[in-house]
Amino acid sequence: MRSTKLFAFDVDGVLTDGTLEYGPQGACQRFNARDGAGIMSLIRSGTPVALISFRDLESTRRRARDIGIRHLFLGCRDKRSALESLCTHLGIEPSEALFMGDDGLDIPALELAGISACPSDAHPSVRSVCRIVTTLPGGGGAVREVIDMFMEGRLR
């Protein structure tokens, strides 16, 4: 039986490589297709997925819509509180959640979650508190790597 009942991800530096491009339409981000496919497989399996991000960008909202993510906490400065609130809403314990982040603002949520994960290129302060450090970088398949661990039963 899988004990991880929620996957929550930071966006910049986790689902993207952290690069923001600014143009006439504002900021835009690049997302990894394999990460998206992994997230869709989680959602199809009945596992809730959330995005918890400091920035509130239309490109993030569009990506979430495109792959079916319903739980969005964008423009969020207190990611730990957002994760706690979502767990309460879903009727699960924080120990049953996975949170994946890459920078200092993510540490309180990483410390709350039952499973903490980060991409290989996360800030050293984040890597030091995470149970899982992927072999792949943010925006380069790190999210899919963690999802595959879960789907293959290597992550509880």
Protein backbone atom coordinates (compact mmCIF):
# COMPACT_ATOMS: atom_id res chain seq x y z
CA MET A 1 0.00 0.00 0.00
CA ARG A 2 1.35 3.41 -0.95
CA SER A 3 1.50 5.77 2.01
CA THR A 4 2.21 8.94 0.00
CA LYS A 5 -1.21 10.50 -0.60
CA LEU A 6 -0.26 13.94 -1.95
CA PHE A 7 2.47 15.28 -4.22
CA ALA A 8 3.15 19.02 -3.94
CA PHE A 9 5.73 20.82 -6.05
CA ASP A 10 7.38 24.21 -6.12
CA VAL A 11 7.45 25.52 -9.70
CA ASP A 12 10.54 27.65 -10.45
CA GLY A 13 13.62 25.45 -10.20
CA VAL A 14 11.61 22.23 -9.83
CA LEU A 15 9.15 22.04 -12.73
CA THR A 16 11.31 24.55 -14.62
CA ASP A 17 15.04 25.19 -14.73
CA GLY A 18 14.42 28.43 -12.83
CA THR A 19 14.85 30.66 -15.88
CA LEU A 20 12.24 33.37 -16.39
CA GLU A 21 12.05 34.99 -19.80
CA TYR A 22 10.41 38.41 -20.01
CA GLY A 23 8.80 39.73 -23.17
CA PRO A 24 5.89 41.95 -24.21
CA GLN A 25 3.42 39.44 -22.75
CA GLY A 26 5.23 39.29 -19.38
CA ALA A 27 7.17 36.40 -17.88
CA CYS A 28 7.08 32.94 -19.36
CA GLN A 29 8.49 29.61 -18.28
CA ARG A 30 9.56 26.37 -19.96
CA PHE A 31 8.20 23.09 -18.61
CA ASN A 32 9.46 19.55 -19.18
CA ALA A 33 7.06 17.29 -21.10
CA ARG A 34 8.18 14.13 -19.23
CA ASP A 35 7.49 15.80 -15.88
CA GLY A 36 4.01 16.66 -17.16
CA ALA A 37 3.37 13.09 -18.31
CA GLY A 38 4.40 11.80 -14.89
CA ILE A 39 2.09 14.24 -13.14
CA MET A 40 -0.81 13.21 -15.37
CA SER A 41 -0.17 9.55 -14.49
CA LEU A 42 -0.29 10.42 -10.78
CA ILE A 43 -3.57 12.26 -11.25
CA ARG A 44 -5.04 9.36 -13.26
CA SER A 45 -4.08 7.01 -10.41
CA GLY A 46 -6.09 9.17 -8.00
CA THR A 47 -3.17 10.85 -6.25
CA PRO A 48 -3.73 14.59 -5.72
CA VAL A 49 -1.08 16.95 -7.07
CA ALA A 50 -0.52 20.57 -6.01
CA LEU A 51 1.66 23.46 -7.09
CA ILE A 52 2.91 25.77 -4.34
CA SER A 53 4.88 28.70 -5.77
CA PHE A 54 6.10 32.12 -4.72
CA ARG A 55 5.24 33.49 -8.17
CA ASP A 56 1.77 33.70 -9.67
CA LEU A 57 2.31 33.55 -13.41
CA GLU A 58 -0.23 32.90 -16.14
CA SER A 59 2.17 30.38 -17.70
CA THR A 60 2.02 28.33 -14.48
CA ARG A 61 -1.77 28.48 -14.42
CA ARG A 62 -1.93 27.40 -18.06
CA ARG A 63 0.45 24.48 -17.48
CA ALA A 64 -1.60 23.37 -14.48
CA ARG A 65 -4.80 23.48 -16.56
CA ASP A 66 -3.18 21.60 -19.44
CA ILE A 67 -2.09 18.67 -17.27
CA GLY A 68 -5.01 18.63 -14.83
CA ILE A 69 -3.56 20.05 -11.61
CA ARG A 70 -6.43 21.45 -9.53
CA HIS A 71 -4.69 22.49 -6.31
CA LEU A 72 -2.82 25.76 -6.85
CA PHE A 73 -1.18 27.98 -4.25
CA LEU A 74 0.41 30.71 -6.36
CA GLY A 75 1.86 33.95 -5.03
CA CYS A 76 2.49 31.97 -1.84
CA ARG A 77 5.03 33.26 0.65
CA ASP A 78 4.34 30.68 3.38
CA LYS A 79 4.58 27.30 1.69
CA ARG A 80 4.45 25.37 4.95
CA SER A 81 1.05 26.88 5.81
CA ALA A 82 -0.19 26.19 2.28
CA LEU A 83 0.85 22.54 2.57
CA GLU A 84 -0.75 22.23 6.02
CA SER A 85 -3.98 23.79 4.73
CA LEU A 86 -4.13 21.47 1.74
CA CYS A 87 -3.50 18.39 3.88
CA THR A 88 -6.34 19.44 6.19
CA HIS A 89 -8.63 20.04 3.20
CA LEU A 90 -7.81 16.59 1.79
CA GLY A 91 -8.11 14.88 5.18
CA ILE A 92 -4.55 13.59 5.23
CA GLU A 93 -1.59 14.04 7.55
CA PRO A 94 1.45 16.05 6.42
CA SER A 95 3.45 12.86 6.99
CA GLU A 96 1.52 11.41 4.02
CA ALA A 97 2.63 14.23 1.69
CA LEU A 98 5.65 14.64 -0.53
CA PHE A 99 6.95 18.15 -1.14
CA MET A 100 9.63 18.95 -3.70
CA GLY A 101 11.45 22.28 -3.61
CA ASP A 102 14.77 23.80 -4.57
CA ASP A 103 15.49 26.94 -2.55
CA GLY A 104 15.43 28.39 0.96
CA LEU A 105 11.78 29.47 0.86
CA ASP A 106 10.86 25.78 0.45
CA ILE A 107 12.65 24.48 3.55
CA PRO A 108 9.75 24.87 6.05
CA ALA A 109 7.42 22.88 3.75
CA LEU A 110 10.16 20.30 3.12
CA GLU A 111 10.58 19.86 6.88
CA LEU A 112 6.82 19.40 7.33
CA ALA A 113 6.27 16.83 4.58
CA GLY A 114 6.68 13.13 5.23
CA ILE A 115 8.90 12.91 2.17
CA SER A 116 11.13 15.80 1.11
CA ALA A 117 12.68 15.88 -2.33
CA CYS A 118 14.73 18.26 -4.44
CA PRO A 119 16.38 18.38 -7.86
CA SER A 120 20.10 17.73 -8.16
CA ASP A 121 20.76 21.43 -8.72
CA ALA A 122 18.86 22.64 -5.64
CA HIS A 123 20.55 25.04 -3.26
CA PRO A 124 22.93 23.21 -0.86
CA SER A 125 20.80 24.24 2.15
CA VAL A 126 17.86 22.42 0.56
CA ARG A 127 19.83 19.33 -0.44
CA SER A 128 20.95 18.98 3.18
CA VAL A 129 17.36 18.64 4.48
CA CYS A 130 15.92 16.43 1.73
CA ARG A 131 15.42 12.70 1.97
CA ILE A 132 15.58 12.44 -1.84
CA VAL A 133 17.98 14.34 -4.08
CA THR A 134 17.33 13.42 -7.70
CA THR A 135 20.04 12.73 -10.25
CA LEU A 136 18.34 15.12 -12.68
CA PRO A 137 18.06 18.93 -12.44
CA GLY A 138 14.97 21.07 -12.06
CA GLY A 139 13.11 21.37 -15.34
CA GLY A 140 15.12 18.43 -16.66
CA GLY A 141 13.08 15.46 -15.51
CA ALA A 142 13.62 15.63 -11.73
CA VAL A 143 9.87 15.56 -11.05
CA ARG A 144 9.40 12.52 -13.29
CA GLU A 145 12.29 10.78 -11.52
CA VAL A 146 10.51 11.11 -8.16
CA ILE A 147 7.14 10.09 -9.62
CA ASP A 148 8.71 7.01 -11.22
CA MET A 149 10.19 6.03 -7.83
CA PHE A 150 6.69 6.22 -6.37
CA MET A 151 4.96 4.37 -9.21
CA GLU A 152 7.58 1.61 -9.09
CA GLY A 153 7.07 1.17 -5.33
CA ARG A 154 10.53 2.46 -4.39
CA LEU A 155 9.08 5.40 -2.48
CA ARG A 156 6.81 5.08 0.53
